[in-house]
Amino acid sequence: MKYTLYRSFGNIDNDIRKHELAAVEYAPDIYAATDALVRAVA
């Protein structure tokens, strides 16, 4: 499964077009992808 993580600038609901793709990870479940996603944005 593909997991994407976005970074938000400003109001998360109103500024939807200002979000920036921060990380993408392919893993069998969210638990397997968590460490890689956190490392990508840390």
PDB file of N, CA and C in Angstrom:
ATOM      1  N   MET A   1       0.841  -1.169   0.000  1.00  0.00           N
ATOM      2  CA  MET A   1       0.000   0.000   0.000  1.00  0.00           C
ATOM      3  C   MET A   1       0.893   1.241   0.000  1.00  0.00           C
ATOM      4  N   LYS A   2       0.411   2.299  -0.568  1.00  0.00           N
ATOM      5  CA  LYS A   2       1.157   3.554  -0.656  1.00  0.00           C
ATOM      6  C   LYS A   2       0.673   4.512   0.432  1.00  0.00           C
ATOM      7  N   TYR A   3       1.628   5.054   1.177  1.00  0.00           N
ATOM      8  CA  TYR A   3       1.321   6.027   2.227  1.00  0.00           C
ATOM      9  C   TYR A   3       1.994   7.344   1.877  1.00  0.00           C
ATOM     10  N   THR A   4       1.229   8.418   1.877  1.00  0.00           N
ATOM     11  CA  THR A   4       1.782   9.740   1.571  1.00  0.00           C
ATOM     12  C   THR A   4       1.620  10.638   2.789  1.00  0.00           C
ATOM     13  N   LEU A   5       2.603  11.493   2.977  1.00  0.00           N
ATOM     14  CA  LEU A   5       2.606  12.410   4.112  1.00  0.00           C
ATOM     15  C   LEU A   5       2.775  13.819   3.566  1.00  0.00           C
ATOM     16  N   TYR A   6       1.876  14.718   3.950  1.00  0.00           N
ATOM     17  CA  TYR A   6       1.920  16.098   3.487  1.00  0.00           C
ATOM     18  C   TYR A   6       2.247  17.035   4.632  1.00  0.00           C
ATOM     19  N   ARG A   7       2.974  18.085   4.322  1.00  0.00           N
ATOM     20  CA  ARG A   7       3.286  19.146   5.281  1.00  0.00           C
ATOM     21  C   ARG A   7       2.300  20.276   4.999  1.00  0.00           C
ATOM     22  N   SER A   8       1.703  20.804   6.049  1.00  0.00           N
ATOM     23  CA  SER A   8       0.699  21.851   5.911  1.00  0.00           C
ATOM     24  C   SER A   8       1.249  23.196   6.372  1.00  0.00           C
ATOM     25  N   PHE A   9       0.977  24.217   5.598  1.00  0.00           N
ATOM     26  CA  PHE A   9       1.339  25.588   5.952  1.00  0.00           C
ATOM     27  C   PHE A   9       0.052  26.384   6.111  1.00  0.00           C
ATOM     28  N   GLY A  10      -0.097  27.059   7.222  1.00  0.00           N
ATOM     29  CA  GLY A  10      -1.298  27.854   7.439  1.00  0.00           C
ATOM     30  C   GLY A  10      -2.446  27.011   7.963  1.00  0.00           C
ATOM     31  N   ASN A  11      -3.656  27.417   7.646  1.00  0.00           N
ATOM     32  CA  ASN A  11      -4.866  26.739   8.102  1.00  0.00           C
ATOM     33  C   ASN A  11      -5.052  25.449   7.313  1.00  0.00           C
ATOM     34  N   ILE A  12      -5.086  24.341   7.989  1.00  0.00           N
ATOM     35  CA  ILE A  12      -5.132  23.033   7.325  1.00  0.00           C
ATOM     36  C   ILE A  12      -6.410  22.831   6.506  1.00  0.00           C
ATOM     37  N   ASP A  13      -7.519  23.429   6.908  1.00  0.00           N
ATOM     38  CA  ASP A  13      -8.778  23.260   6.185  1.00  0.00           C
ATOM     39  C   ASP A  13      -8.933  24.243   5.035  1.00  0.00           C
ATOM     40  N   ASN A  14      -8.532  25.485   5.234  1.00  0.00           N
ATOM     41  CA  ASN A  14      -8.767  26.515   4.227  1.00  0.00           C
ATOM     42  C   ASN A  14      -7.664  26.616   3.178  1.00  0.00           C
ATOM     43  N   ASP A  15      -6.437  26.260   3.523  1.00  0.00           N
ATOM     44  CA  ASP A  15      -5.305  26.422   2.606  1.00  0.00           C
ATOM     45  C   ASP A  15      -4.880  25.083   2.011  1.00  0.00           C
ATOM     46  N   ILE A  16      -5.829  24.351   1.466  1.00  0.00           N
ATOM     47  CA  ILE A  16      -5.562  23.002   0.971  1.00  0.00           C
ATOM     48  C   ILE A  16      -4.548  23.000  -0.164  1.00  0.00           C
ATOM     49  N   ARG A  17      -4.483  24.043  -0.961  1.00  0.00           N
ATOM     50  CA  ARG A  17      -3.549  24.085  -2.089  1.00  0.00           C
ATOM     51  C   ARG A  17      -2.125  24.427  -1.667  1.00  0.00           C
ATOM     52  N   LYS A  18      -1.924  24.800  -0.423  1.00  0.00           N
ATOM     53  CA  LYS A  18      -0.594  25.146   0.065  1.00  0.00           C
ATOM     54  C   LYS A  18       0.128  23.955   0.688  1.00  0.00           C
ATOM     55  N   HIS A  19      -0.506  22.793   0.701  1.00  0.00           N
ATOM     56  CA  HIS A  19       0.127  21.611   1.277  1.00  0.00           C
ATOM     57  C   HIS A  19       1.254  21.141   0.371  1.00  0.00           C
ATOM     58  N   GLU A  20       2.295  20.610   0.982  1.00  0.00           N
ATOM     59  CA  GLU A  20       3.483  20.166   0.256  1.00  0.00           C
ATOM     60  C   GLU A  20       3.714  18.683   0.540  1.00  0.00           C
ATOM     61  N   LEU A  21       3.969  17.916  -0.512  1.00  0.00           N
ATOM     62  CA  LEU A  21       4.262  16.501  -0.333  1.00  0.00           C
ATOM     63  C   LEU A  21       5.592  16.361   0.384  1.00  0.00           C
ATOM     64  N   ALA A  22       5.610  15.665   1.514  1.00  0.00           N
ATOM     65  CA  ALA A  22       6.818  15.543   2.328  1.00  0.00           C
ATOM     66  C   ALA A  22       7.457  14.167   2.219  1.00  0.00           C
ATOM     67  N   ALA A  23       6.657  13.112   2.070  1.00  0.00           N
ATOM     68  CA  ALA A  23       7.226  11.768   2.021  1.00  0.00           C
ATOM     69  C   ALA A  23       6.231  10.793   1.407  1.00  0.00           C
ATOM     70  N   VAL A  24       6.775   9.769   0.772  1.00  0.00           N
ATOM     71  CA  VAL A  24       5.978   8.670   0.219  1.00  0.00           C
ATOM     72  C   VAL A  24       6.661   7.372   0.614  1.00  0.00           C
ATOM     73  N   GLU A  25       5.883   6.428   1.063  1.00  0.00           N
ATOM     74  CA  GLU A  25       6.444   5.132   1.472  1.00  0.00           C
ATOM     75  C   GLU A  25       5.488   4.023   1.041  1.00  0.00           C
ATOM     76  N   TYR A  26       6.044   2.954   0.541  1.00  0.00           N
ATOM     77  CA  TYR A  26       5.271   1.765   0.189  1.00  0.00           C
ATOM     78  C   TYR A  26       5.544   0.704   1.246  1.00  0.00           C
ATOM     79  N   ALA A  27       4.487   0.162   1.835  1.00  0.00           N
ATOM     80  CA  ALA A  27       4.631  -0.850   2.880  1.00  0.00           C
ATOM     81  C   ALA A  27       3.328  -1.643   2.980  1.00  0.00           C
ATOM     82  N   PRO A  28       3.394  -2.814   3.589  1.00  0.00           N
ATOM     83  CA  PRO A  28       2.176  -3.628   3.707  1.00  0.00           C
ATOM     84  C   PRO A  28       1.122  -3.027   4.641  1.00  0.00           C
ATOM     85  N   ASP A  29       1.550  -2.245   5.642  1.00  0.00           N
ATOM     86  CA  ASP A  29       0.598  -1.588   6.541  1.00  0.00           C
ATOM     87  C   ASP A  29       1.232  -0.314   7.107  1.00  0.00           C
ATOM     88  N   ILE A  30       0.428   0.500   7.776  1.00  0.00           N
ATOM     89  CA  ILE A  30       0.886   1.792   8.292  1.00  0.00           C
ATOM     90  C   ILE A  30       1.978   1.615   9.341  1.00  0.00           C
ATOM     91  N   TYR A  31       1.939   0.530  10.069  1.00  0.00           N
ATOM     92  CA  TYR A  31       2.946   0.303  11.113  1.00  0.00           C
ATOM     93  C   TYR A  31       4.325   0.064  10.510  1.00  0.00           C
ATOM     94  N   ALA A  32       4.381  -0.579   9.370  1.00  0.00           N
ATOM     95  CA  ALA A  32       5.651  -0.815   8.694  1.00  0.00           C
ATOM     96  C   ALA A  32       6.180   0.460   8.041  1.00  0.00           C
ATOM     97  N   ALA A  33       5.300   1.383   7.694  1.00  0.00           N
ATOM     98  CA  ALA A  33       5.699   2.613   7.015  1.00  0.00           C
ATOM     99  C   ALA A  33       6.039   3.748   7.970  1.00  0.00           C
ATOM    100  N   THR A  34       5.603   3.681   9.201  1.00  0.00           N
ATOM    101  CA  THR A  34       5.729   4.797  10.138  1.00  0.00           C
ATOM    102  C   THR A  34       7.159   5.271  10.344  1.00  0.00           C
ATOM    103  N   ASP A  35       8.087   4.375  10.620  1.00  0.00           N
ATOM    104  CA  ASP A  35       9.474   4.780  10.885  1.00  0.00           C
ATOM    105  C   ASP A  35      10.088   5.514   9.698  1.00  0.00           C
ATOM    106  N   ALA A  36       9.864   5.013   8.499  1.00  0.00           N
ATOM    107  CA  ALA A  36      10.425   5.649   7.306  1.00  0.00           C
ATOM    108  C   ALA A  36       9.810   7.025   7.073  1.00  0.00           C
ATOM    109  N   LEU A  37       8.519   7.174   7.308  1.00  0.00           N
ATOM    110  CA  LEU A  37       7.864   8.468   7.123  1.00  0.00           C
ATOM    111  C   LEU A  37       8.375   9.490   8.137  1.00  0.00           C
ATOM    112  N   VAL A  38       8.553   9.076   9.363  1.00  0.00           N
ATOM    113  CA  VAL A  38       9.061   9.979  10.401  1.00  0.00           C
ATOM    114  C   VAL A  38      10.489  10.400  10.081  1.00  0.00           C
ATOM    115  N   ARG A  39      11.329   9.464   9.655  1.00  0.00           N
ATOM    116  CA  ARG A  39      12.714   9.796   9.292  1.00  0.00           C
ATOM    117  C   ARG A  39      12.763  10.778   8.128  1.00  0.00           C
ATOM    118  N   ALA A  40      11.827  10.671   7.200  1.00  0.00           N
ATOM    119  CA  ALA A  40      11.822  11.539   6.022  1.00  0.00           C
ATOM    120  C   ALA A  40      11.540  12.998   6.376  1.00  0.00           C
ATOM    121  N   VAL A  41      10.798  13.235   7.425  1.00  0.00           N
ATOM    122  CA  VAL A  41      10.437  14.616   7.768  1.00  0.00           C
ATOM    123  C   VAL A  41      11.164  15.148   8.991  1.00  0.00           C
ATOM    124  N   ALA A  42      11.948  14.327   9.638  1.00  0.00           N
ATOM    125  CA  ALA A  42      12.672  14.756  10.846  1.00  0.00           C
ATOM    126  C   ALA A  42      13.920  15.542  10.497  1.00  0.00           C
TER     127      ALA A  42
END
